[in-house]
């Protein structure tokens, strides 16, 4: 009789452990599915789709090495997308075509879009409006249009406006600015 009781207790214990492990397994699969859905959502929002490799069919292929591979591949792809986003963020605000860029490089500007924006940033005196409450006017956004024009938004924290400028680049490079038009918003 004692062996039947100990056998029943062992059976209940084994079933309990199996149930616990099955619940943990289901929870892990649910987390993996939700992570894959979230990753696809993020990648689709970036205009890129993501297709993670499916787990190997073999029973030994579903171990942590496979998931480490998937995580590493996802991190590498994420880094590539970060670099692409950084590239387009740096290129944003420039409408220069290749011939304009080449001409400006011949005049001594290694990175024409950035250098023109940096040069204008150090000339807040071109903004024809006085700051309110003793503030300081600064450029909020600068868009380099086709040579020789630049469009800039400015503000001081209280008022803001826009202006169109013309730049002349001389060998050296030396950049000269002339305001063509300005208005307050």
N, C-alpha and C. Protein backbone atom coordinates (compact mmCIF):
# COMPACT_ATOMS: atom_id res chain seq x y z
N UNK A 1 0.80 -1.19 0.00
CA UNK A 1 0.00 0.00 0.00
C UNK A 1 0.85 1.27 0.00
N UNK A 2 1.91 1.32 0.79
CA UNK A 2 2.72 2.52 0.78
C UNK A 2 3.35 2.78 -0.58
N UNK A 3 3.60 1.77 -1.36
CA UNK A 3 4.20 2.00 -2.67
C UNK A 3 3.20 2.64 -3.62
N UNK A 4 1.90 2.29 -3.49
CA UNK A 4 0.88 2.91 -4.33
C UNK A 4 0.74 4.40 -4.01
N UNK A 5 0.81 4.74 -2.74
CA UNK A 5 0.70 6.14 -2.34
C UNK A 5 1.91 6.93 -2.83
N UNK A 6 3.09 6.38 -2.65
CA UNK A 6 4.30 7.08 -3.12
C UNK A 6 4.32 7.17 -4.64
N UNK A 7 3.77 6.15 -5.33
CA UNK A 7 3.67 6.18 -6.78
C UNK A 7 2.68 7.27 -7.22
N UNK A 8 1.57 7.40 -6.54
CA UNK A 8 0.57 8.43 -6.86
C UNK A 8 1.14 9.82 -6.60
N UNK A 9 1.86 9.99 -5.50
CA UNK A 9 2.49 11.28 -5.19
C UNK A 9 3.52 11.63 -6.25
N UNK A 10 4.32 10.66 -6.66
CA UNK A 10 5.33 10.89 -7.69
C UNK A 10 4.67 11.27 -9.01
N UNK A 11 3.54 10.57 -9.33
CA UNK A 11 2.83 10.88 -10.56
C UNK A 11 2.26 12.30 -10.53
N UNK A 12 1.67 12.70 -9.42
CA UNK A 12 1.12 14.05 -9.28
C UNK A 12 2.25 15.08 -9.38
N UNK A 13 3.37 14.79 -8.74
CA UNK A 13 4.51 15.69 -8.79
C UNK A 13 5.05 15.82 -10.22
N UNK A 14 5.17 14.72 -10.94
CA UNK A 14 5.65 14.75 -12.32
C UNK A 14 4.67 15.54 -13.20
N UNK A 15 3.38 15.32 -13.02
CA UNK A 15 2.38 16.04 -13.81
C UNK A 15 2.41 17.54 -13.50
N UNK A 16 2.62 17.88 -12.24
CA UNK A 16 2.71 19.28 -11.86
C UNK A 16 3.92 19.94 -12.51
N UNK A 17 5.07 19.28 -12.47
CA UNK A 17 6.28 19.82 -13.09
C UNK A 17 6.09 19.94 -14.60
N UNK A 18 5.48 18.92 -15.23
CA UNK A 18 5.23 18.99 -16.68
C UNK A 18 4.29 20.14 -17.01
N UNK A 19 3.26 20.33 -16.22
CA UNK A 19 2.34 21.44 -16.45
C UNK A 19 3.05 22.78 -16.31
N UNK A 20 3.89 22.89 -15.28
CA UNK A 20 4.64 24.13 -15.08
C UNK A 20 5.56 24.41 -16.26
N UNK A 21 6.30 23.38 -16.71
CA UNK A 21 7.20 23.56 -17.84
C UNK A 21 6.44 23.86 -19.13
N UNK A 22 5.28 23.24 -19.33
CA UNK A 22 4.47 23.52 -20.52
C UNK A 22 3.99 24.97 -20.50
N UNK A 23 3.59 25.45 -19.31
CA UNK A 23 3.16 26.85 -19.20
C UNK A 23 4.32 27.79 -19.50
N UNK A 24 5.50 27.49 -19.00
CA UNK A 24 6.68 28.33 -19.27
C UNK A 24 7.03 28.32 -20.75
N UNK A 25 6.92 27.14 -21.37
CA UNK A 25 7.21 27.02 -22.80
C UNK A 25 6.24 27.88 -23.61
N UNK A 26 4.95 27.79 -23.28
CA UNK A 26 3.93 28.57 -23.99
C UNK A 26 4.17 30.07 -23.79
N UNK A 27 4.55 30.46 -22.59
CA UNK A 27 4.85 31.86 -22.30
C UNK A 27 6.04 32.34 -23.13
N UNK A 28 7.08 31.51 -23.24
CA UNK A 28 8.27 31.87 -24.03
C UNK A 28 7.91 32.00 -25.51
N UNK A 29 7.08 31.11 -26.03
CA UNK A 29 6.67 31.20 -27.43
C UNK A 29 5.83 32.45 -27.67
N UNK A 30 4.98 32.79 -26.71
CA UNK A 30 4.17 34.00 -26.83
C UNK A 30 5.05 35.25 -26.85
N UNK A 31 6.07 35.29 -25.97
CA UNK A 31 7.00 36.42 -25.97
C UNK A 31 7.75 36.52 -27.28
N UNK A 32 8.18 35.37 -27.82
CA UNK A 32 8.90 35.36 -29.10
C UNK A 32 8.00 35.88 -30.22
N UNK A 33 6.74 35.46 -30.24
CA UNK A 33 5.80 35.93 -31.27
C UNK A 33 5.56 37.43 -31.13
N UNK A 34 5.37 37.91 -29.91
CA UNK A 34 5.11 39.34 -29.73
C UNK A 34 6.35 40.17 -30.08
N UNK A 35 7.54 39.66 -29.78
CA UNK A 35 8.77 40.35 -30.16
C UNK A 35 8.90 40.41 -31.68
N UNK A 36 8.59 39.31 -32.35
CA UNK A 36 8.67 39.29 -33.81
C UNK A 36 7.64 40.25 -34.41
N UNK A 37 6.42 40.30 -33.84
CA UNK A 37 5.40 41.24 -34.33
C UNK A 37 5.86 42.67 -34.14
N UNK A 38 6.41 42.98 -32.96
CA UNK A 38 6.89 44.34 -32.69
C UNK A 38 8.02 44.71 -33.63
N UNK A 39 8.96 43.78 -33.85
CA UNK A 39 10.09 44.05 -34.73
C UNK A 39 9.60 44.29 -36.16
N UNK A 40 8.65 43.48 -36.63
CA UNK A 40 8.10 43.69 -37.97
C UNK A 40 7.41 45.05 -38.06
N UNK A 41 6.69 45.44 -37.01
CA UNK A 41 6.02 46.74 -37.00
C UNK A 41 7.04 47.87 -37.12
N UNK A 42 8.11 47.79 -36.33
CA UNK A 42 9.14 48.84 -36.37
C UNK A 42 9.80 48.87 -37.73
N UNK A 43 10.13 47.70 -38.28
CA UNK A 43 10.81 47.66 -39.57
C UNK A 43 9.88 48.13 -40.68
N UNK A 44 8.61 47.78 -40.62
CA UNK A 44 7.66 48.26 -41.62
C UNK A 44 7.50 49.76 -41.54
N UNK A 45 7.54 50.32 -40.33
CA UNK A 45 7.42 51.76 -40.19
C UNK A 45 8.64 52.47 -40.75
N UNK A 46 9.77 51.79 -40.83
CA UNK A 46 10.97 52.35 -41.44
C UNK A 46 10.98 52.12 -42.95
N UNK A 47 9.94 51.44 -43.45
CA UNK A 47 9.87 51.17 -44.88
C UNK A 47 10.66 49.94 -45.28
N UNK A 48 11.02 49.13 -44.31
CA UNK A 48 11.79 47.92 -44.58
C UNK A 48 11.11 46.76 -43.88
N UNK A 49 11.06 45.64 -44.55
CA UNK A 49 10.45 44.47 -43.91
C UNK A 49 11.55 43.61 -43.32
N UNK A 50 11.17 42.83 -42.36
CA UNK A 50 12.12 41.97 -41.68
C UNK A 50 11.57 40.56 -41.72
N UNK A 51 12.36 39.63 -42.17
CA UNK A 51 11.97 38.22 -42.18
C UNK A 51 13.03 37.46 -41.38
N UNK A 52 12.69 37.14 -40.15
CA UNK A 52 13.62 36.37 -39.34
C UNK A 52 13.65 34.94 -39.84
N UNK A 53 14.81 34.30 -39.80
CA UNK A 53 14.86 32.91 -40.25
C UNK A 53 14.05 32.02 -39.31
N UNK A 54 13.41 31.03 -39.89
CA UNK A 54 12.61 30.13 -39.06
C UNK A 54 13.54 29.18 -38.31
N UNK A 55 13.07 28.65 -37.18
CA UNK A 55 13.92 27.73 -36.42
C UNK A 55 14.21 26.48 -37.23
N UNK A 56 15.37 25.90 -37.04
CA UNK A 56 15.68 24.65 -37.74
C UNK A 56 14.68 23.56 -37.38
N UNK A 57 14.49 22.63 -38.30
CA UNK A 57 13.50 21.57 -38.10
C UNK A 57 14.01 20.54 -37.10
N UNK A 58 15.30 20.32 -37.09
CA UNK A 58 15.87 19.29 -36.22
C UNK A 58 15.60 19.62 -34.75
N UNK A 59 15.43 18.62 -33.91
CA UNK A 59 15.14 18.89 -32.49
C UNK A 59 16.29 19.62 -31.79
N UNK A 60 17.52 19.37 -32.19
CA UNK A 60 18.64 20.01 -31.51
C UNK A 60 18.82 21.46 -31.99
N UNK A 61 18.09 21.89 -33.02
CA UNK A 61 18.24 23.23 -33.54
C UNK A 61 17.45 24.28 -32.78
N UNK A 62 16.59 23.89 -31.88
CA UNK A 62 15.74 24.85 -31.16
C UNK A 62 16.35 25.27 -29.83
N UNK A 63 17.66 25.26 -29.75
CA UNK A 63 18.31 25.63 -28.50
C UNK A 63 18.67 27.12 -28.49
N UNK A 64 19.36 27.53 -27.48
CA UNK A 64 19.66 28.94 -27.31
C UNK A 64 20.66 29.46 -28.35
N UNK A 65 21.46 28.60 -28.97
CA UNK A 65 22.41 29.06 -29.98
C UNK A 65 21.66 29.68 -31.16
N UNK A 66 20.57 29.04 -31.57
CA UNK A 66 19.77 29.58 -32.67
C UNK A 66 19.23 30.95 -32.29
N UNK A 67 18.70 31.10 -31.11
CA UNK A 67 18.11 32.38 -30.71
C UNK A 67 19.18 33.44 -30.52
N UNK A 68 20.39 33.05 -30.11
CA UNK A 68 21.49 34.01 -30.06
C UNK A 68 21.84 34.49 -31.46
N UNK A 69 21.79 33.57 -32.44
CA UNK A 69 22.04 33.96 -33.82
C UNK A 69 20.99 34.95 -34.30
N UNK A 70 19.73 34.67 -34.01
CA UNK A 70 18.65 35.56 -34.43
C UNK A 70 18.81 36.94 -33.78
N UNK A 71 19.14 36.98 -32.49
CA UNK A 71 19.32 38.26 -31.80
C UNK A 71 20.50 39.03 -32.39
N UNK A 72 21.59 38.34 -32.68
CA UNK A 72 22.75 39.01 -33.28
C UNK A 72 22.42 39.53 -34.67
N UNK A 73 21.71 38.75 -35.47
CA UNK A 73 21.33 39.19 -36.82
C UNK A 73 20.41 40.40 -36.73
N UNK A 74 19.48 40.40 -35.78
CA UNK A 74 18.57 41.54 -35.61
C UNK A 74 19.33 42.78 -35.18
N UNK A 75 20.32 42.63 -34.27
CA UNK A 75 21.12 43.78 -33.85
C UNK A 75 21.93 44.35 -35.01
N UNK A 76 22.51 43.48 -35.84
CA UNK A 76 23.27 43.95 -36.99
C UNK A 76 22.38 44.70 -37.97
N UNK A 77 21.18 44.15 -38.23
CA UNK A 77 20.25 44.83 -39.13
C UNK A 77 19.81 46.16 -38.54
N UNK A 78 19.58 46.20 -37.24
CA UNK A 78 19.20 47.44 -36.57
C UNK A 78 20.31 48.48 -36.72
N UNK A 79 21.55 48.07 -36.57
CA UNK A 79 22.68 49.00 -36.71
C UNK A 79 22.75 49.55 -38.14
N UNK A 80 22.51 48.67 -39.15
CA UNK A 80 22.52 49.14 -40.53
C UNK A 80 21.43 50.19 -40.74
N UNK A 81 20.24 49.96 -40.14
CA UNK A 81 19.16 50.93 -40.29
C UNK A 81 19.49 52.23 -39.56
N UNK A 82 20.14 52.13 -38.40
CA UNK A 82 20.53 53.35 -37.69
C UNK A 82 21.49 54.18 -38.53
N UNK A 83 22.45 53.51 -39.16
CA UNK A 83 23.39 54.22 -40.02
C UNK A 83 22.69 54.85 -41.22
N UNK A 84 21.70 54.15 -41.78
CA UNK A 84 20.94 54.71 -42.90
C UNK A 84 20.15 55.95 -42.45
N UNK A 85 19.54 55.87 -41.27
CA UNK A 85 18.79 57.01 -40.74
C UNK A 85 19.73 58.19 -40.49
N UNK A 86 20.92 57.93 -39.94
CA UNK A 86 21.89 59.00 -39.71
C UNK A 86 22.32 59.64 -41.04
N UNK A 87 22.53 58.82 -42.06
CA UNK A 87 22.92 59.35 -43.36
C UNK A 87 21.85 60.29 -43.90
N UNK A 88 20.58 59.87 -43.85
CA UNK A 88 19.51 60.71 -44.40
C UNK A 88 19.25 61.93 -43.54
N UNK A 89 19.50 61.81 -42.23
CA UNK A 89 19.35 63.00 -41.37
C UNK A 89 20.41 64.03 -41.71
N UNK A 90 21.63 63.57 -42.02
CA UNK A 90 22.69 64.51 -42.40
C UNK A 90 22.43 65.11 -43.78
N UNK A 91 21.86 64.31 -44.67
CA UNK A 91 21.60 64.80 -46.02
C UNK A 91 20.37 65.70 -46.05
N UNK A 92 19.51 65.60 -45.03
CA UNK A 92 18.31 66.41 -44.98
C UNK A 92 18.67 67.89 -44.98
N UNK A 93 17.92 68.67 -45.64
CA UNK A 93 18.17 70.10 -45.64
C UNK A 93 19.12 70.55 -46.72
N UNK A 94 19.39 69.68 -47.70
CA UNK A 94 20.27 70.06 -48.80
C UNK A 94 19.64 69.65 -50.11
N UNK A 95 19.46 70.62 -51.00
CA UNK A 95 18.93 70.33 -52.33
C UNK A 95 19.99 70.52 -53.40
N UNK A 96 21.25 70.49 -53.00
CA UNK A 96 22.33 70.66 -53.96
C UNK A 96 22.41 69.44 -54.87
N UNK A 97 22.57 69.68 -56.16
CA UNK A 97 22.78 68.55 -57.05
C UNK A 97 24.29 68.28 -57.16
N UNK A 98 24.63 67.22 -57.85
CA UNK A 98 26.04 66.80 -57.89
C UNK A 98 26.95 67.87 -58.51
N UNK A 99 26.47 68.57 -59.53
CA UNK A 99 27.34 69.60 -60.15
C UNK A 99 27.60 70.75 -59.18
N UNK A 100 26.57 71.13 -58.38
CA UNK A 100 26.78 72.17 -57.37
C UNK A 100 27.77 71.71 -56.31
N UNK A 101 27.60 70.48 -55.86
CA UNK A 101 28.50 69.94 -54.83
C UNK A 101 29.93 69.90 -55.36
N UNK A 102 30.11 69.47 -56.60
CA UNK A 102 31.45 69.39 -57.18
C UNK A 102 32.07 70.78 -57.32
N UNK A 103 31.27 71.75 -57.74
CA UNK A 103 31.77 73.12 -57.87
C UNK A 103 32.20 73.67 -56.52
N UNK A 104 31.39 73.45 -55.48
CA UNK A 104 31.72 73.93 -54.15
C UNK A 104 32.94 73.21 -53.58
N UNK A 105 33.11 71.95 -53.92
CA UNK A 105 34.31 71.23 -53.47
C UNK A 105 35.56 71.79 -54.13
N UNK A 106 35.44 72.18 -55.40
CA UNK A 106 36.59 72.79 -56.08
C UNK A 106 36.98 74.11 -55.43
N UNK A 107 35.99 74.78 -54.82
CA UNK A 107 36.28 76.05 -54.15
C UNK A 107 36.80 75.84 -52.72
N UNK A 108 36.86 74.60 -52.27
CA UNK A 108 37.46 74.32 -50.97
C UNK A 108 36.52 73.81 -49.89
N UNK A 109 35.24 73.59 -50.19
CA UNK A 109 34.31 73.06 -49.19
C UNK A 109 34.27 71.53 -49.30
N UNK A 110 34.76 70.85 -48.28
CA UNK A 110 34.79 69.39 -48.31
C UNK A 110 33.40 68.80 -48.19
N UNK A 111 32.58 69.36 -47.31
CA UNK A 111 31.19 68.92 -47.11
C UNK A 111 30.31 70.15 -47.27
N UNK A 112 29.93 70.51 -48.49
CA UNK A 112 29.28 71.79 -48.74
C UNK A 112 28.01 72.04 -47.92
N UNK A 113 27.12 71.08 -47.84
CA UNK A 113 25.87 71.29 -47.10
C UNK A 113 26.11 71.63 -45.64
N UNK A 114 26.95 70.84 -45.00
CA UNK A 114 27.24 71.07 -43.58
C UNK A 114 28.01 72.37 -43.38
N UNK A 115 29.00 72.63 -44.22
CA UNK A 115 29.82 73.82 -44.05
C UNK A 115 29.04 75.11 -44.31
N UNK A 116 28.12 75.08 -45.28
CA UNK A 116 27.29 76.26 -45.51
C UNK A 116 26.37 76.52 -44.31
N UNK A 117 25.78 75.44 -43.76
CA UNK A 117 24.92 75.60 -42.57
C UNK A 117 25.73 76.11 -41.39
N UNK A 118 26.92 75.54 -41.19
CA UNK A 118 27.77 75.99 -40.08
C UNK A 118 28.17 77.46 -40.24
N UNK A 119 28.49 77.85 -41.47
CA UNK A 119 28.88 79.24 -41.71
C UNK A 119 27.73 80.20 -41.41
N UNK A 120 26.53 79.84 -41.82
CA UNK A 120 25.39 80.71 -41.56
C UNK A 120 25.07 80.77 -40.07
N UNK A 121 25.26 79.69 -39.36
CA UNK A 121 24.98 79.66 -37.92
C UNK A 121 25.81 80.67 -37.14
N UNK A 122 26.98 81.01 -37.63
CA UNK A 122 27.81 81.97 -36.91
C UNK A 122 27.53 83.41 -37.32
N UNK A 123 26.48 83.61 -38.11
CA UNK A 123 26.10 84.95 -38.54
C UNK A 123 24.65 85.28 -38.17
N UNK A 124 24.32 85.30 -36.88
CA UNK A 124 22.95 85.67 -36.51
C UNK A 124 22.65 87.14 -36.77
N UNK A 125 23.67 87.95 -37.04
CA UNK A 125 23.44 89.37 -37.32
C UNK A 125 22.70 89.57 -38.64
N UNK A 126 22.62 88.54 -39.48
CA UNK A 126 21.86 88.64 -40.73
C UNK A 126 20.35 88.63 -40.49
N UNK A 127 19.93 88.22 -39.31
CA UNK A 127 18.50 88.22 -38.98
C UNK A 127 18.11 89.66 -38.68
N UNK A 128 17.16 90.23 -39.44
CA UNK A 128 16.88 91.66 -39.32
C UNK A 128 15.93 92.05 -38.19
N UNK A 129 15.55 91.13 -37.34
CA UNK A 129 14.60 91.43 -36.28
C UNK A 129 15.28 91.36 -34.92
N UNK A 130 14.83 92.21 -34.01
CA UNK A 130 15.38 92.24 -32.65
C UNK A 130 14.72 91.15 -31.80
N UNK A 131 15.50 90.51 -30.95
CA UNK A 131 14.91 89.51 -30.06
C UNK A 131 14.00 90.16 -29.02
N UNK A 132 13.04 89.40 -28.54
CA UNK A 132 12.10 89.88 -27.53
C UNK A 132 12.67 89.57 -26.15
N UNK A 133 12.47 90.45 -25.21
CA UNK A 133 12.86 90.25 -23.81
C UNK A 133 14.35 89.96 -23.64
N UNK A 134 15.18 90.60 -24.44
CA UNK A 134 16.62 90.46 -24.26
C UNK A 134 17.16 89.10 -24.65
N UNK A 135 16.40 88.32 -25.41
CA UNK A 135 16.86 87.01 -25.85
C UNK A 135 17.92 87.13 -26.93
N UNK A 136 18.13 86.04 -27.62
CA UNK A 136 19.14 86.00 -28.67
C UNK A 136 18.54 85.26 -29.86
N UNK A 137 18.64 85.83 -31.04
CA UNK A 137 18.14 85.19 -32.24
C UNK A 137 19.11 84.08 -32.68
N UNK A 138 18.55 82.99 -33.14
CA UNK A 138 19.37 81.89 -33.66
C UNK A 138 18.60 81.19 -34.77
N UNK A 139 19.35 80.46 -35.58
CA UNK A 139 18.75 79.73 -36.69
C UNK A 139 18.21 78.41 -36.17
N UNK A 140 16.96 78.16 -36.50
CA UNK A 140 16.29 76.93 -36.07
C UNK A 140 16.51 75.82 -37.08
N UNK A 141 16.34 76.14 -38.34
CA UNK A 141 16.48 75.14 -39.40
C UNK A 141 17.04 75.85 -40.63
N UNK A 142 18.01 75.21 -41.27
CA UNK A 142 18.65 75.80 -42.44
C UNK A 142 18.58 74.78 -43.57
N UNK A 143 18.00 75.20 -44.70
CA UNK A 143 17.90 74.34 -45.88
C UNK A 143 18.72 74.95 -46.99
N UNK A 144 19.72 74.20 -47.46
CA UNK A 144 20.55 74.67 -48.56
C UNK A 144 19.83 74.32 -49.85
N UNK A 145 19.40 75.34 -50.58
CA UNK A 145 18.72 75.15 -51.85
C UNK A 145 19.78 75.05 -52.94
N UNK A 146 19.38 75.09 -54.17
CA UNK A 146 20.38 75.05 -55.23
C UNK A 146 21.22 76.32 -55.18
N UNK A 147 22.47 76.19 -55.55
CA UNK A 147 23.42 77.29 -55.48
C UNK A 147 22.85 78.51 -56.18
N UNK A 148 22.88 79.66 -55.60
CA UNK A 148 23.54 80.13 -54.39
C UNK A 148 22.57 80.41 -53.25
N UNK A 149 21.40 79.78 -53.20
CA UNK A 149 20.36 80.18 -52.26
C UNK A 149 20.26 79.26 -51.05
N UNK A 150 19.90 79.88 -49.91
CA UNK A 150 19.70 79.16 -48.65
C UNK A 150 18.43 79.72 -48.00
N UNK A 151 17.58 78.83 -47.52
CA UNK A 151 16.36 79.23 -46.81
C UNK A 151 16.55 78.86 -45.35
N UNK A 152 16.27 79.80 -44.44
CA UNK A 152 16.51 79.55 -43.02
C UNK A 152 15.32 80.00 -42.18
N UNK A 153 15.00 79.21 -41.18
CA UNK A 153 14.03 79.61 -40.15
C UNK A 153 14.83 80.07 -38.94
N UNK A 154 14.32 81.10 -38.26
CA UNK A 154 15.02 81.62 -37.09
C UNK A 154 14.01 81.86 -35.97
N UNK A 155 14.54 82.01 -34.76
CA UNK A 155 13.69 82.28 -33.60
C UNK A 155 14.54 82.76 -32.43
N UNK A 156 13.85 83.22 -31.40
CA UNK A 156 14.52 83.56 -30.15
C UNK A 156 13.82 82.92 -28.96
N UNK A 157 12.87 82.07 -29.22
CA UNK A 157 12.10 81.44 -28.16
C UNK A 157 10.74 82.08 -27.99
N UNK A 158 10.57 83.31 -28.49
CA UNK A 158 9.30 84.02 -28.38
C UNK A 158 8.72 84.33 -29.76
N UNK A 159 9.55 84.77 -30.67
CA UNK A 159 9.11 85.05 -32.03
C UNK A 159 9.93 84.21 -32.98
N UNK A 160 9.37 83.99 -34.18
CA UNK A 160 10.12 83.22 -35.18
C UNK A 160 9.80 83.76 -36.56
N UNK A 161 10.60 83.38 -37.51
CA UNK A 161 10.40 83.84 -38.87
C UNK A 161 11.23 83.04 -39.85
N UNK A 162 11.23 83.50 -41.09
CA UNK A 162 11.94 82.82 -42.16
C UNK A 162 12.68 83.85 -42.99
N UNK A 163 13.70 83.39 -43.68
CA UNK A 163 14.42 84.29 -44.57
C UNK A 163 15.11 83.53 -45.68
N UNK A 164 15.33 84.23 -46.77
CA UNK A 164 16.02 83.70 -47.93
C UNK A 164 17.35 84.45 -48.05
N UNK A 165 18.42 83.70 -48.22
CA UNK A 165 19.75 84.30 -48.31
C UNK A 165 20.44 83.82 -49.57
N UNK A 166 21.44 84.61 -49.96
CA UNK A 166 22.29 84.24 -51.08
C UNK A 166 23.71 84.13 -50.55
N UNK A 167 24.40 83.10 -50.96
CA UNK A 167 25.79 82.96 -50.50
C UNK A 167 26.72 82.97 -51.70
N UNK A 168 27.90 83.53 -51.49
CA UNK A 168 28.95 83.53 -52.49
C UNK A 168 30.14 82.83 -51.85
N UNK A 169 30.63 81.81 -52.53
CA UNK A 169 31.78 81.06 -52.02
C UNK A 169 32.98 81.40 -52.89
N UNK A 170 34.04 81.84 -52.24
CA UNK A 170 35.29 82.14 -52.94
C UNK A 170 36.32 81.10 -52.55
N UNK A 171 37.33 80.99 -53.39
CA UNK A 171 38.42 80.05 -53.13
C UNK A 171 39.01 80.33 -51.76
N UNK A 172 39.29 79.29 -51.03
CA UNK A 172 39.90 79.51 -49.72
C UNK A 172 39.41 78.59 -48.64
N UNK A 173 38.24 78.29 -48.42
CA UNK A 173 37.00 78.90 -48.90
C UNK A 173 36.58 80.06 -48.02
N UNK A 174 36.03 81.06 -48.64
CA UNK A 174 35.44 82.19 -47.93
C UNK A 174 33.99 82.28 -48.36
N UNK A 175 33.10 82.40 -47.39
CA UNK A 175 31.67 82.42 -47.67
C UNK A 175 31.12 83.79 -47.28
N UNK A 176 30.46 84.44 -48.23
CA UNK A 176 29.84 85.74 -47.99
C UNK A 176 28.33 85.57 -48.10
N UNK A 177 27.61 86.21 -47.17
CA UNK A 177 26.15 86.07 -47.12
C UNK A 177 25.46 87.40 -47.41
N UNK A 178 24.34 87.31 -48.09
CA UNK A 178 23.50 88.49 -48.34
C UNK A 178 22.05 88.07 -48.13
N UNK A 179 21.36 88.83 -47.28
CA UNK A 179 19.94 88.55 -47.03
C UNK A 179 19.12 89.11 -48.19
N UNK A 180 18.24 88.28 -48.76
CA UNK A 180 17.39 88.72 -49.86
C UNK A 180 15.99 89.05 -49.41
N UNK A 181 15.49 88.32 -48.40
CA UNK A 181 14.10 88.48 -47.97
C UNK A 181 13.97 87.90 -46.57
N UNK A 182 13.12 88.52 -45.74
CA UNK A 182 12.89 88.00 -44.38
C UNK A 182 11.49 88.41 -43.93
N UNK A 183 10.89 87.59 -43.08
CA UNK A 183 9.57 87.91 -42.53
C UNK A 183 9.41 87.24 -41.19
N UNK A 184 8.57 87.82 -40.35
CA UNK A 184 8.19 87.19 -39.08
C UNK A 184 6.93 86.37 -39.29
N UNK A 185 6.84 85.27 -38.61
CA UNK A 185 5.63 84.43 -38.69
C UNK A 185 4.57 84.90 -37.72
